[in-house]
N, C-alpha and C. Protein backbone atom coordinates (compact mmCIF):
# COMPACT_ATOMS: atom_id res chain seq x y z
N ASP A 1 11.31 -9.40 4.63
CA ASP A 1 10.22 -9.31 3.46
C ASP A 1 8.65 -8.36 4.15
N ILE A 2 8.55 -7.65 2.93
CA ILE A 2 7.85 -6.48 2.65
C ILE A 2 6.38 -6.97 3.07
N LEU A 3 6.08 -8.86 2.54
CA LEU A 3 4.50 -9.62 2.81
C LEU A 3 4.90 -9.96 4.24
N GLU A 4 5.85 -10.33 4.79
CA GLU A 4 5.59 -11.02 5.82
C GLU A 4 5.67 -9.83 7.56
N ARG A 5 5.70 -8.66 6.94
CA ARG A 5 5.43 -6.78 7.30
C ARG A 5 3.48 -7.02 7.72
N ILE A 6 3.60 -7.36 6.53
CA ILE A 6 1.90 -6.99 6.03
C ILE A 6 0.88 -8.03 5.78
N GLY A 7 1.89 -8.82 5.40
CA GLY A 7 0.42 -9.72 5.18
C GLY A 7 0.41 -10.04 3.71
N LYS A 8 -0.02 -11.49 3.65
CA LYS A 8 -0.40 -11.51 1.70
C LYS A 8 -2.19 -11.10 1.92
N ALA A 9 -2.06 -10.65 1.17
CA ALA A 9 -3.90 -10.59 0.19
C ALA A 9 -4.81 -11.90 -0.06
N SER A 10 -5.78 -11.92 0.72
CA SER A 10 -6.64 -13.06 0.01
C SER A 10 -6.66 -12.97 -1.21
N ALA A 11 -7.02 -14.56 -1.36
CA ALA A 11 -7.23 -14.72 -2.92
C ALA A 11 -8.05 -14.00 -4.04
N GLY A 12 -7.66 -13.10 -4.99
CA GLY A 12 -8.77 -12.52 -5.96
C GLY A 12 -8.95 -11.28 -5.15
N ILE A 13 -8.09 -10.84 -4.47
CA ILE A 13 -8.21 -9.13 -4.13
C ILE A 13 -7.19 -8.79 -4.35
N LYS A 14 -7.49 -7.47 -5.37
CA LYS A 14 -7.05 -6.13 -5.76
C LYS A 14 -7.15 -5.11 -6.05
N ASP A 15 -7.43 -4.39 -5.02
CA ASP A 15 -7.76 -3.24 -5.18
C ASP A 15 -7.32 -1.90 -6.12
N ASP A 16 -8.25 -0.93 -6.03
CA ASP A 16 -7.74 0.00 -7.03
C ASP A 16 -6.61 0.77 -6.15
N LEU A 17 -5.02 0.81 -5.77
CA LEU A 17 -4.68 1.81 -5.42
C LEU A 17 -4.15 2.88 -6.02
N LEU A 18 -4.58 3.18 -6.66
CA LEU A 18 -4.40 4.69 -7.53
C LEU A 18 -6.09 5.82 -6.93
N GLU A 19 -6.26 4.67 -6.06
CA GLU A 19 -7.19 5.50 -4.65
C GLU A 19 -6.28 6.40 -3.74
N ILE A 20 -5.15 6.37 -3.76
CA ILE A 20 -4.59 6.36 -2.24
C ILE A 20 -4.09 7.58 -3.38
N LYS A 21 -3.92 9.13 -2.16
CA LYS A 21 -3.36 9.96 -2.35
C LYS A 21 -1.62 9.69 -2.68
N GLY A 22 -1.16 10.14 -3.45
CA GLY A 22 0.14 9.71 -4.13
C GLY A 22 0.82 9.13 -4.89
N ILE A 23 0.10 8.31 -5.04
CA ILE A 23 0.21 6.37 -6.18
C ILE A 23 0.08 6.77 -7.33
N GLY A 24 0.67 7.05 -8.15
CA GLY A 24 -0.12 6.94 -10.43
C GLY A 24 0.52 5.32 -10.20
N GLU A 25 0.27 5.52 -12.06
CA GLU A 25 -0.22 4.49 -12.48
C GLU A 25 1.31 3.35 -12.45
N LYS A 26 1.91 4.48 -12.69
CA LYS A 26 3.72 3.43 -12.55
C LYS A 26 3.83 2.86 -11.44
N LEU A 27 3.83 3.81 -10.44
CA LEU A 27 3.93 3.26 -8.42
C LEU A 27 3.37 2.06 -8.27
N ALA A 28 1.78 2.17 -8.63
CA ALA A 28 0.87 1.05 -8.28
C ALA A 28 1.03 0.01 -8.98
N GLU A 29 1.95 -0.27 -10.18
CA GLU A 29 2.38 -1.23 -10.91
C GLU A 29 3.11 -2.31 -10.30
N LYS A 30 4.29 -0.94 -9.64
CA LYS A 30 5.20 -1.93 -9.21
C LYS A 30 4.91 -2.46 -7.81
N LEU A 31 4.18 -2.26 -7.41
CA LEU A 31 3.26 -2.18 -6.24
C LEU A 31 2.54 -3.76 -6.17
N TYR A 32 2.22 -3.52 -7.39
CA TYR A 32 1.47 -4.76 -7.71
C TYR A 32 2.06 -6.18 -7.79
N GLU A 33 3.28 -5.63 -8.77
CA GLU A 33 4.40 -6.70 -9.00
C GLU A 33 5.15 -7.47 -7.52
N LEU A 34 4.57 -5.90 -6.05
CA LEU A 34 5.99 -6.72 -4.80
C LEU A 34 4.20 -7.44 -4.70
N GLY A 35 3.22 -7.53 -4.86
CA GLY A 35 2.65 -8.27 -4.05
C GLY A 35 1.74 -7.85 -2.59
N ILE A 36 1.88 -6.40 -2.92
CA ILE A 36 1.10 -5.66 -2.53
C ILE A 36 0.12 -4.93 -3.35
N VAL A 37 -1.26 -5.10 -3.19
CA VAL A 37 -2.65 -5.30 -3.96
C VAL A 37 -3.80 -5.16 -2.81
N SER A 38 -3.95 -4.76 -2.16
CA SER A 38 -4.81 -4.45 -1.60
C SER A 38 -5.09 -3.40 -0.11
N PHE A 39 -5.67 -2.39 0.19
CA PHE A 39 -6.11 -1.40 0.73
C PHE A 39 -5.74 -2.22 2.24
N GLU A 40 -5.99 -3.35 2.47
CA GLU A 40 -5.52 -4.50 3.93
C GLU A 40 -4.43 -4.19 4.30
N GLN A 41 -3.38 -4.60 3.40
CA GLN A 41 -2.37 -4.62 3.60
C GLN A 41 -1.68 -3.71 3.50
N MET A 42 -2.19 -2.27 2.71
CA MET A 42 -1.25 -1.44 3.60
C MET A 42 -1.79 -0.54 4.31
N SER A 43 -2.98 -1.00 5.63
CA SER A 43 -3.28 0.10 6.77
C SER A 43 -2.65 -0.57 7.34
N ARG A 44 -2.14 -1.78 6.77
CA ARG A 44 -0.51 -2.26 7.95
C ARG A 44 0.65 -1.96 8.04
N MET A 45 0.61 -1.14 7.47
CA MET A 45 2.14 -0.36 7.17
C MET A 45 2.53 0.25 8.68
N ASP A 46 4.27 0.29 8.85
CA ASP A 46 4.25 0.82 9.89
C ASP A 46 5.99 1.00 9.25
N ASP A 47 6.61 2.11 10.23
CA ASP A 47 6.99 2.89 10.21
C ASP A 47 8.55 1.52 9.29
N TYR A 48 8.81 0.05 9.89
CA TYR A 48 9.53 -0.28 9.36
C TYR A 48 9.18 -1.04 8.32
N ALA A 49 7.69 -1.15 7.84
CA ALA A 49 7.79 -1.33 6.28
C ALA A 49 7.35 0.16 5.91
N TYR A 50 7.42 1.02 6.10
CA TYR A 50 8.03 2.33 4.75
C TYR A 50 9.03 2.22 5.10
N GLY A 51 10.15 1.90 5.30
CA GLY A 51 11.68 1.46 5.00
C GLY A 51 11.60 0.49 4.02
N LEU A 52 11.37 -0.59 4.41
CA LEU A 52 10.77 -1.56 3.21
C LEU A 52 10.69 -0.83 2.20
N ILE A 53 9.46 -0.22 1.64
CA ILE A 53 9.12 0.14 0.31
C ILE A 53 10.21 1.29 -0.25
N ASP A 54 10.69 2.02 0.60
CA ASP A 54 12.06 3.10 -0.16
C ASP A 54 13.15 2.18 0.14
N ALA A 55 13.64 0.83 0.13
CA ALA A 55 14.57 -0.13 -0.02
C ALA A 55 14.54 0.04 -1.60
N MET A 56 13.35 -1.11 -1.70
CA MET A 56 12.73 -1.53 -2.51
C MET A 56 12.59 -0.54 -3.71
N LEU A 57 11.64 0.45 -3.65
CA LEU A 57 11.66 1.36 -4.74
C LEU A 57 12.46 3.12 -3.97
N PRO A 58 13.81 2.67 -4.53
CA PRO A 58 13.85 4.08 -3.99
C PRO A 58 13.47 4.98 -4.67
N ALA A 59 13.23 4.97 -6.04
CA ALA A 59 13.22 6.04 -7.29
C ALA A 59 11.86 6.83 -6.31
N PHE A 60 11.02 6.60 -5.58
CA PHE A 60 9.92 6.60 -4.54
C PHE A 60 10.26 7.00 -3.24
N LYS A 61 11.09 6.83 -2.92
CA LYS A 61 11.27 6.98 -1.94
C LYS A 61 10.86 7.80 -0.82
N GLY A 62 9.88 7.93 0.24
CA GLY A 62 9.30 8.67 0.75
C GLY A 62 8.13 9.19 0.81
N ARG A 63 8.18 8.36 0.00
CA ARG A 63 6.45 9.03 -0.45
C ARG A 63 5.27 8.22 0.63
N ALA A 64 5.68 6.23 0.43
CA ALA A 64 4.34 6.09 1.41
C ALA A 64 4.39 6.66 2.10
N LYS A 65 5.83 6.93 3.12
CA LYS A 65 5.55 7.45 4.79
C LYS A 65 4.64 8.99 4.57
N ARG A 66 5.17 9.67 4.00
CA ARG A 66 4.49 11.27 3.49
C ARG A 66 3.50 10.78 3.49
N ASP A 67 2.48 10.75 2.55
CA ASP A 67 1.67 10.43 1.93
C ASP A 67 0.83 9.51 3.07
N GLU A 68 1.23 9.31 4.12
CA GLU A 68 0.04 8.12 4.64
C GLU A 68 -0.97 7.33 4.22
N TRP A 69 0.29 6.80 3.92
CA TRP A 69 -0.65 5.61 3.17
C TRP A 69 -1.20 4.28 3.48
N ALA A 70 -1.03 3.95 4.71
CA ALA A 70 -1.34 3.86 6.05
C ALA A 70 -2.79 3.82 6.51
N LYS A 71 -2.90 5.65 7.15
CA LYS A 71 -4.12 6.34 7.25
C LYS A 71 -5.03 6.04 6.40
N GLN A 72 -4.49 6.72 4.76
CA GLN A 72 -5.27 6.72 4.06
C GLN A 72 -6.36 5.23 3.36
N ALA A 73 -5.18 4.44 3.28
CA ALA A 73 -6.02 2.66 3.46
C ALA A 73 -6.99 2.39 4.60
N LYS A 74 -6.67 3.38 5.81
CA LYS A 74 -7.91 2.74 6.62
C LYS A 74 -9.14 2.77 6.19
N LYS A 75 -8.89 4.83 5.44
CA LYS A 75 -10.43 5.13 5.40
C LYS A 75 -11.02 4.40 4.53
N LEU A 76 -10.59 4.17 3.47
CA LEU A 76 -10.70 3.81 2.65
C LEU A 76 -11.64 2.64 2.64
N ILE A 77 -10.80 1.78 3.41
CA ILE A 77 -11.57 0.04 3.84
C ILE A 77 -12.82 0.61 5.05
N LYS A 78 -12.94 1.48 6.33
CA LYS A 78 -13.98 2.21 6.90
C LYS A 78 -15.44 2.49 5.41
N SER A 79 -14.67 3.74 4.73
CA SER A 79 -16.00 3.94 3.20
C SER A 79 -16.33 2.87 2.89
N LYS A 80 -15.63 1.85 2.59
CA LYS A 80 -16.45 0.94 1.77
C LYS A 80 -16.94 -0.07 2.74
N THR A 81 -16.81 -0.35 4.08
CA THR A 81 -17.67 -0.91 4.33
C THR A 81 -18.72 -0.62 5.74
N THR A 82 -19.13 0.97 4.88
CA THR A 82 -20.17 1.71 5.39
C THR A 82 -21.17 2.00 4.48
N VAL A 83 -20.81 1.79 2.85
CA VAL A 83 -21.58 2.08 2.27
C VAL A 83 -22.73 1.21 2.26
């Protein structure tokens, strides 16, 4: 399960996933439905997690790894904590 791999978000956390390059409204909605709601979760993605995303969202296969969601999420977390 993807949430076992990347963890569950803290209660009340729901980041704007549209800030990640390559995520549009439709994909963000699907990710929210899967319980992927925070940059912290996305920052923990690895090749295995990317594979799980590909299996669950075949219409977007390869998007997460190609667009380096984990790397982007880490940058967003850092930029928000240094403001």
